C-alpha atoms as a PDB file:
ATOM      1  CA  MET A   1    -149.120  11.335 -32.995  1.00  0.00           C
ATOM      2  CA  SER A   2    -148.848  14.854 -34.935  1.00  0.00           C
ATOM      3  CA  THR A   3    -145.025  16.338 -35.739  1.00  0.00           C
ATOM      4  CA  SER A   4    -144.078  19.778 -36.527  1.00  0.00           C
ATOM      5  CA  ALA A   5    -143.778  21.369 -39.542  1.00  0.00           C
ATOM      6  CA  ALA A   6    -140.208  22.225 -38.450  1.00  0.00           C
ATOM      7  CA  ASP A   7    -139.360  18.617 -37.313  1.00  0.00           C
ATOM      8  CA  ASN A   8    -141.286  17.261 -40.926  1.00  0.00           C
ATOM      9  CA  TYR A   9    -139.126  18.944 -42.925  1.00  0.00           C
ATOM     10  CA  LEU A  10    -136.249  18.671 -40.876  1.00  0.00           C
ATOM     11  CA  GLY A  11    -133.322  16.256 -43.154  1.00  0.00           C
ATOM     12  CA  VAL A  12    -134.922  16.590 -45.892  1.00  0.00           C
ATOM     13  CA  TRP A  13    -135.544  20.738 -46.736  1.00  0.00           C
ATOM     14  CA  GLY A  14    -134.126  23.578 -45.157  1.00  0.00           C
ATOM     15  CA  ASN A  15    -130.061  23.364 -46.240  1.00  0.00           C
ATOM     16  CA  ARG A  16    -128.467  27.529 -45.212  1.00  0.00           C
ATOM     17  CA  LEU A  17    -126.860  29.212 -48.012  1.00  0.00           C
ATOM     18  CA  GLY A  18    -125.277  31.127 -46.533  1.00  0.00           C
ATOM     19  CA  PHE A  19    -123.955  34.761 -48.054  1.00  0.00           C
ATOM     20  CA  GLY A  20    -121.265  35.321 -50.922  1.00  0.00           C
ATOM     21  CA  VAL A  21    -118.659  37.645 -51.634  1.00  0.00           C
ATOM     22  CA  ARG A  22    -120.707  40.636 -53.568  1.00  0.00           C
ATOM     23  CA  PRO A  23    -123.599  41.068 -52.261  1.00  0.00           C
ATOM     24  CA  ALA A  24    -126.133  44.041 -53.579  1.00  0.00           C
ATOM     25  CA  LEU A  25    -129.249  45.172 -51.484  1.00  0.00           C
ATOM     26  CA  LEU A  26    -133.096  44.884 -53.587  1.00  0.00           C
ATOM     27  CA  MET A  27    -135.503  46.420 -51.894  1.00  0.00           C
ATOM     28  CA  VAL A  28    -139.088  45.632 -53.753  1.00  0.00           C
ATOM     29  CA  ASP A  29    -141.895  47.712 -53.981  1.00  0.00           C
ATOM     30  CA  PHE A  30    -141.815  49.753 -50.836  1.00  0.00           C
ATOM     31  CA  MET A  31    -144.352  51.219 -52.003  1.00  0.00           C
ATOM     32  CA  GLN A  32    -147.033  53.963 -50.007  1.00  0.00           C
ATOM     33  CA  GLY A  33    -150.250  52.011 -51.608  1.00  0.00           C
ATOM     34  CA  TYR A  34    -149.131  49.287 -48.979  1.00  0.00           C
ATOM     35  CA  THR A  35    -148.348  52.097 -45.935  1.00  0.00           C
ATOM     36  CA  THR A  36    -151.099  54.285 -46.489  1.00  0.00           C
ATOM     37  CA  PRO A  37    -154.262  53.716 -44.306  1.00  0.00           C
ATOM     38  CA  GLY A  38    -157.366  52.983 -46.141  1.00  0.00           C
ATOM     39  CA  ALA A  39    -156.229  51.911 -49.754  1.00  0.00           C
ATOM     40  CA  PRO A  40    -156.844  48.383 -51.041  1.00  0.00           C
ATOM     41  CA  LEU A  41    -153.298  47.511 -50.707  1.00  0.00           C
ATOM     42  CA  TYR A  42    -152.686  48.643 -46.922  1.00  0.00           C
ATOM     43  CA  ALA A  43    -151.269  46.120 -44.992  1.00  0.00           C
ATOM     44  CA  PRO A  44    -149.827  47.018 -41.855  1.00  0.00           C
ATOM     45  CA  GLY A  45    -146.690  44.547 -41.461  1.00  0.00           C
ATOM     46  CA  VAL A  46    -144.943  46.449 -44.592  1.00  0.00           C
ATOM     47  CA  VAL A  47    -145.122  49.367 -42.238  1.00  0.00           C
ATOM     48  CA  SER A  48    -142.776  47.553 -39.450  1.00  0.00           C
ATOM     49  CA  ALA A  49    -140.958  46.241 -42.161  1.00  0.00           C
ATOM     50  CA  VAL A  50    -140.750  49.918 -43.645  1.00  0.00           C
ATOM     51  CA  ALA A  51    -139.364  50.950 -40.546  1.00  0.00           C
ATOM     52  CA  GLU A  52    -137.523  48.405 -39.845  1.00  0.00           C
ATOM     53  CA  ALA A  53    -135.586  48.263 -43.377  1.00  0.00           C
ATOM     54  CA  GLU A  54    -133.918  52.462 -43.406  1.00  0.00           C
ATOM     55  CA  SER A  55    -131.156  50.976 -41.038  1.00  0.00           C
ATOM     56  CA  LEU A  56    -130.834  48.583 -43.247  1.00  0.00           C
ATOM     57  CA  LEU A  57    -130.646  50.643 -46.639  1.00  0.00           C
ATOM     58  CA  ALA A  58    -128.751  53.240 -44.898  1.00  0.00           C
ATOM     59  CA  GLN A  59    -126.289  50.462 -43.670  1.00  0.00           C
ATOM     60  CA  ALA A  60    -126.108  49.159 -46.853  1.00  0.00           C
ATOM     61  CA  ARG A  61    -125.704  52.684 -48.711  1.00  0.00           C
ATOM     62  CA  ARG A  62    -122.279  52.546 -45.794  1.00  0.00           C
ATOM     63  CA  SER A  63    -121.220  49.646 -47.276  1.00  0.00           C
ATOM     64  CA  SER A  64    -121.483  50.503 -50.974  1.00  0.00           C
ATOM     65  CA  ILE A  65    -123.028  47.690 -52.544  1.00  0.00           C
ATOM     66  CA  PRO A  66    -125.163  48.085 -55.080  1.00  0.00           C
ATOM     67  CA  VAL A  67    -129.404  49.170 -54.268  1.00  0.00           C
ATOM     68  CA  ILE A  68    -131.602  48.226 -56.139  1.00  0.00           C
ATOM     69  CA  HIS A  69    -135.364  49.459 -55.774  1.00  0.00           C
ATOM     70  CA  THR A  70    -138.033  47.987 -57.756  1.00  0.00           C
ATOM     71  CA  ASN A  71    -141.778  49.311 -58.085  1.00  0.00           C
ATOM     72  CA  ILE A  72    -144.871  48.106 -59.962  1.00  0.00           C
ATOM     73  CA  ARG A  73    -145.831  50.559 -63.168  1.00  0.00           C
ATOM     74  CA  TYR A  74    -148.554  49.730 -65.834  1.00  0.00           C
ATOM     75  CA  HIS A  75    -149.836  52.482 -68.900  1.00  0.00           C
ATOM     76  CA  ALA A  76    -151.696  55.175 -67.170  1.00  0.00           C
ATOM     77  CA  GLN A  77    -154.921  54.653 -69.435  1.00  0.00           C
ATOM     78  CA  HIS A  78    -155.692  51.046 -69.830  1.00  0.00           C
ATOM     79  CA  GLN A  79    -152.761  48.693 -67.755  1.00  0.00           C
ATOM     80  CA  ARG A  80    -152.641  45.523 -70.582  1.00  0.00           C
ATOM     81  CA  ASP A  81    -148.972  45.418 -70.141  1.00  0.00           C
ATOM     82  CA  GLY A  82    -150.323  44.044 -67.080  1.00  0.00           C
ATOM     83  CA  GLY A  83    -151.706  41.393 -68.805  1.00  0.00           C
ATOM     84  CA  VAL A  84    -153.332  38.664 -66.970  1.00  0.00           C
ATOM     85  CA  TRP A  85    -152.326  39.463 -63.240  1.00  0.00           C
ATOM     86  CA  VAL A  86    -154.055  42.595 -63.428  1.00  0.00           C
ATOM     87  CA  LYS A  87    -157.340  40.332 -63.643  1.00  0.00           C
ATOM     88  CA  LYS A  88    -156.539  38.256 -61.213  1.00  0.00           C
ATOM     89  CA  ALA A  89    -155.803  41.058 -59.021  1.00  0.00           C
ATOM     90  CA  PRO A  90    -157.460  44.222 -60.749  1.00  0.00           C
ATOM     91  CA  VAL A  91    -156.025  46.220 -57.549  1.00  0.00           C
ATOM     92  CA  MET A  92    -152.478  46.394 -58.419  1.00  0.00           C
ATOM     93  CA  ARG A  93    -153.929  48.830 -61.368  1.00  0.00           C
ATOM     94  CA  ASP A  94    -153.869  52.023 -59.056  1.00  0.00           C
ATOM     95  CA  MET A  95    -149.393  51.275 -59.992  1.00  0.00           C
ATOM     96  CA  VAL A  96    -149.514  53.898 -62.575  1.00  0.00           C
ATOM     97  CA  GLU A  97    -146.829  57.211 -62.699  1.00  0.00           C
ATOM     98  CA  GLY A  98    -148.953  60.335 -61.127  1.00  0.00           C
ATOM     99  CA  ASN A  99    -150.703  58.039 -58.777  1.00  0.00           C
ATOM    100  CA  PRO A 100    -149.635  59.096 -55.531  1.00  0.00           C
ATOM    101  CA  LEU A 101    -150.672  55.157 -53.975  1.00  0.00           C
ATOM    102  CA  ALA A 102    -148.104  54.019 -56.893  1.00  0.00           C
ATOM    103  CA  ALA A 103    -145.006  56.591 -55.485  1.00  0.00           C
ATOM    104  CA  PHE A 104    -141.810  55.299 -53.141  1.00  0.00           C
ATOM    105  CA  CYS A 105    -142.137  55.382 -49.277  1.00  0.00           C
ATOM    106  CA  PRO A 106    -140.136  58.431 -48.469  1.00  0.00           C
ATOM    107  CA  PRO A 107    -138.048  57.268 -46.012  1.00  0.00           C
ATOM    108  CA  VAL A 108    -136.573  54.192 -48.081  1.00  0.00           C
ATOM    109  CA  ALA A 109    -136.555  55.878 -51.458  1.00  0.00           C
ATOM    110  CA  PRO A 110    -134.152  55.795 -54.265  1.00  0.00           C
ATOM    111  CA  LEU A 111    -131.104  58.200 -54.461  1.00  0.00           C
ATOM    112  CA  PRO A 112    -130.464  59.590 -57.493  1.00  0.00           C
ATOM    113  CA  ASP A 113    -127.853  57.801 -57.969  1.00  0.00           C
ATOM    114  CA  GLU A 114    -129.731  54.331 -56.989  1.00  0.00           C
ATOM    115  CA  VAL A 115    -131.563  51.852 -59.964  1.00  0.00           C
ATOM    116  CA  VAL A 116    -135.079  51.693 -59.935  1.00  0.00           C
ATOM    117  CA  VAL A 117    -136.245  48.139 -62.091  1.00  0.00           C
ATOM    118  CA  SER A 118    -139.826  48.782 -62.788  1.00  0.00           C
ATOM    119  CA  LYS A 119    -141.692  45.398 -63.642  1.00  0.00           C
ATOM    120  CA  GLN A 120    -145.340  44.581 -63.963  1.00  0.00           C
ATOM    121  CA  TYR A 121    -145.332  41.003 -62.324  1.00  0.00           C
ATOM    122  CA  ALA A 122    -144.625  39.514 -59.158  1.00  0.00           C
ATOM    123  CA  SER A 123    -140.943  38.622 -59.761  1.00  0.00           C
ATOM    124  CA  ALA A 124    -138.444  41.729 -59.892  1.00  0.00           C
ATOM    125  CA  PHE A 125    -136.501  39.183 -62.266  1.00  0.00           C
ATOM    126  CA  PHE A 126    -139.663  38.408 -64.519  1.00  0.00           C
ATOM    127  CA  GLY A 127    -139.616  40.855 -67.753  1.00  0.00           C
ATOM    128  CA  SER A 128    -136.603  42.768 -66.687  1.00  0.00           C
ATOM    129  CA  ALA A 129    -133.197  43.081 -67.230  1.00  0.00           C
ATOM    130  CA  LEU A 130    -132.168  42.960 -63.399  1.00  0.00           C
ATOM    131  CA  ALA A 131    -130.122  39.310 -64.129  1.00  0.00           C
ATOM    132  CA  SER A 132    -128.519  40.511 -66.356  1.00  0.00           C
ATOM    133  CA  LEU A 133    -127.671  44.004 -64.244  1.00  0.00           C
ATOM    134  CA  LEU A 134    -126.143  41.545 -61.174  1.00  0.00           C
ATOM    135  CA  VAL A 135    -124.496  39.485 -63.721  1.00  0.00           C
ATOM    136  CA  SER A 136    -122.431  42.115 -64.824  1.00  0.00           C
ATOM    137  CA  GLU A 137    -121.437  43.741 -61.375  1.00  0.00           C
ATOM    138  CA  GLY A 138    -120.405  40.516 -60.270  1.00  0.00           C
ATOM    139  CA  ILE A 139    -123.445  39.751 -57.637  1.00  0.00           C
ATOM    140  CA  ASP A 140    -123.793  36.212 -56.292  1.00  0.00           C
ATOM    141  CA  THR A 141    -126.016  37.597 -53.062  1.00  0.00           C
ATOM    142  CA  VAL A 142    -129.234  39.389 -53.263  1.00  0.00           C
ATOM    143  CA  ILE A 143    -130.279  40.688 -50.322  1.00  0.00           C
ATOM    144  CA  ILE A 144    -134.348  41.040 -50.406  1.00  0.00           C
ATOM    145  CA  ALA A 145    -136.438  43.712 -48.263  1.00  0.00           C
ATOM    146  CA  GLY A 146    -140.029  44.764 -48.792  1.00  0.00           C
ATOM    147  CA  CYS A 147    -143.490  43.145 -50.070  1.00  0.00           C
ATOM    148  CA  SER A 148    -145.463  41.879 -49.995  1.00  0.00           C
ATOM    149  CA  THR A 149    -144.100  38.542 -48.456  1.00  0.00           C
ATOM    150  CA  SER A 150    -146.303  36.311 -50.130  1.00  0.00           C
ATOM    151  CA  GLY A 151    -146.723  37.792 -52.955  1.00  0.00           C
ATOM    152  CA  CYS A 152    -143.412  40.216 -55.337  1.00  0.00           C
ATOM    153  CA  VAL A 153    -140.763  39.230 -52.538  1.00  0.00           C
ATOM    154  CA  ARG A 154    -141.710  35.036 -52.338  1.00  0.00           C
ATOM    155  CA  ALA A 155    -141.520  35.325 -56.206  1.00  0.00           C
ATOM    156  CA  THR A 156    -138.767  37.305 -56.753  1.00  0.00           C
ATOM    157  CA  ALA A 157    -136.568  34.885 -54.096  1.00  0.00           C
ATOM    158  CA  VAL A 158    -137.460  31.733 -56.190  1.00  0.00           C
ATOM    159  CA  ASP A 159    -136.013  33.661 -59.317  1.00  0.00           C
ATOM    160  CA  ALA A 160    -133.005  34.587 -57.510  1.00  0.00           C
ATOM    161  CA  LEU A 161    -132.192  31.293 -56.829  1.00  0.00           C
ATOM    162  CA  GLN A 162    -133.450  30.079 -60.609  1.00  0.00           C
ATOM    163  CA  HIS A 163    -131.520  32.636 -61.801  1.00  0.00           C
ATOM    164  CA  GLY A 164    -128.079  31.704 -59.388  1.00  0.00           C
ATOM    165  CA  PHE A 165    -127.365  34.033 -57.046  1.00  0.00           C
ATOM    166  CA  ARG A 166    -127.953  33.446 -53.071  1.00  0.00           C
ATOM    167  CA  PRO A 167    -131.359  35.099 -51.479  1.00  0.00           C
ATOM    168  CA  ILE A 168    -131.230  36.474 -48.711  1.00  0.00           C
ATOM    169  CA  VAL A 169    -134.736  37.315 -46.812  1.00  0.00           C
ATOM    170  CA  VAL A 170    -134.288  39.804 -44.291  1.00  0.00           C
ATOM    171  CA  ARG A 171    -137.464  38.516 -41.632  1.00  0.00           C
ATOM    172  CA  GLU A 172    -138.085  42.241 -40.108  1.00  0.00           C
ATOM    173  CA  CYS A 173    -137.370  43.706 -43.790  1.00  0.00           C
ATOM    174  CA  VAL A 174    -140.887  41.996 -45.534  1.00  0.00           C
ATOM    175  CA  GLY A 175    -143.922  42.305 -44.532  1.00  0.00           C
ATOM    176  CA  ASP A 176    -147.432  41.089 -45.873  1.00  0.00           C
ATOM    177  CA  ARG A 177    -150.795  42.569 -45.217  1.00  0.00           C
ATOM    178  CA  HIS A 178    -151.755  39.637 -42.719  1.00  0.00           C
ATOM    179  CA  ASP A 179    -149.567  37.264 -40.035  1.00  0.00           C
ATOM    180  CA  GLU A 180    -150.878  34.206 -41.642  1.00  0.00           C
ATOM    181  CA  PRO A 181    -149.562  34.442 -45.087  1.00  0.00           C
ATOM    182  CA  HIS A 182    -146.593  36.439 -43.875  1.00  0.00           C
ATOM    183  CA  HIS A 183    -145.326  33.731 -41.898  1.00  0.00           C
ATOM    184  CA  ALA A 184    -146.053  30.778 -43.896  1.00  0.00           C
ATOM    185  CA  ASN A 185    -143.916  32.245 -46.821  1.00  0.00           C
ATOM    186  CA  LEU A 186    -141.096  33.435 -44.941  1.00  0.00           C
ATOM    187  CA  PHE A 187    -141.068  29.059 -43.834  1.00  0.00           C
ATOM    188  CA  ASP A 188    -141.591  27.660 -47.257  1.00  0.00           C
ATOM    189  CA  ILE A 189    -138.707  30.205 -48.209  1.00  0.00           C
ATOM    190  CA  ASP A 190    -135.830  29.582 -45.836  1.00  0.00           C
ATOM    191  CA  SER A 191    -136.869  26.006 -46.969  1.00  0.00           C
ATOM    192  CA  LYS A 192    -136.371  25.775 -50.438  1.00  0.00           C
ATOM    193  CA  TYR A 193    -135.570  29.152 -51.872  1.00  0.00           C
ATOM    194  CA  GLY A 194    -133.481  30.852 -50.030  1.00  0.00           C
ATOM    195  CA  ASP A 195    -132.202  32.228 -45.918  1.00  0.00           C
ATOM    196  CA  VAL A 196    -134.903  33.617 -44.060  1.00  0.00           C
ATOM    197  CA  VAL A 197    -131.694  35.813 -41.870  1.00  0.00           C
ATOM    198  CA  SER A 198    -132.639  38.348 -39.090  1.00  0.00           C
ATOM    199  CA  LYS A 199    -131.537  42.096 -39.754  1.00  0.00           C
ATOM    200  CA  THR A 200    -128.828  41.915 -37.388  1.00  0.00           C
ATOM    201  CA  ALA A 201    -127.365  39.128 -38.783  1.00  0.00           C
ATOM    202  CA  ALA A 202    -127.451  41.019 -42.516  1.00  0.00           C
ATOM    203  CA  LEU A 203    -126.122  44.363 -40.837  1.00  0.00           C
ATOM    204  CA  ASP A 204    -123.587  42.650 -39.378  1.00  0.00           C
ATOM    205  CA  TYR A 205    -122.963  40.611 -42.844  1.00  0.00           C
ATOM    206  CA  LEU A 206    -122.594  44.067 -44.198  1.00  0.00           C
ATOM    207  CA  GLY A 207    -120.347  45.985 -41.954  1.00  0.00           C
ATOM    208  CA  GLN A 208    -118.093  43.769 -43.017  1.00  0.00           C
ATOM    209  CA  PHE A 209    -117.751  45.766 -46.196  1.00  0.00           C
ATOM    210  CA  SER A 210    -117.651  49.050 -44.366  1.00  0.00           C
ATOM    211  CA  SER A 211    -114.140  48.177 -42.891  1.00  0.00           C
ATOM    212  CA  ARG A 212    -112.812  47.244 -45.800  1.00  0.00           C
ATOM    213  CA  ARG A 213    -113.277  50.607 -46.998  1.00  0.00           C
END
């Protein structure tokens, strides 16, 4: 007798972490390479995620919580700082300064006073000062939007948990190039590494901070 994945995991995986008391919004790699038709990294799911993330970003700004953006940046000539990853995924070599595909998507671009963390690998935490920044701000909850679900979002959620933060992935605000890895990784994150929540739930939570101002 076959069972669904949800039934198989029931009672073993899927405990809820819940929101904490001090959140930051982490916008992971919303770069134009993922939203430009015909580009090697183009992912239709990211196009919709950008559109959905606009209101999430706006609410975070109204709530005056820290907003942090990440991008991927390599040496413009050789990309050796990408190590083995650019050998496995040479498409990432486009992520160099001056390439339009490496620019932020305008609807969710950083404001001048928002932090941008540049990274060379999938996780926003690997080889960066992100964990130290969050600790210095007293953050316990990392609300995650961005791309791609099966790559940098998942890796960032796993590392957020491993660094002692509550990873909260906003379902509508993350995207991938194909539905199957997108949904499979959302299921895995929600089961083992963090909470996957609706945008409505995230907006309601952030709205509490607006009312305290």
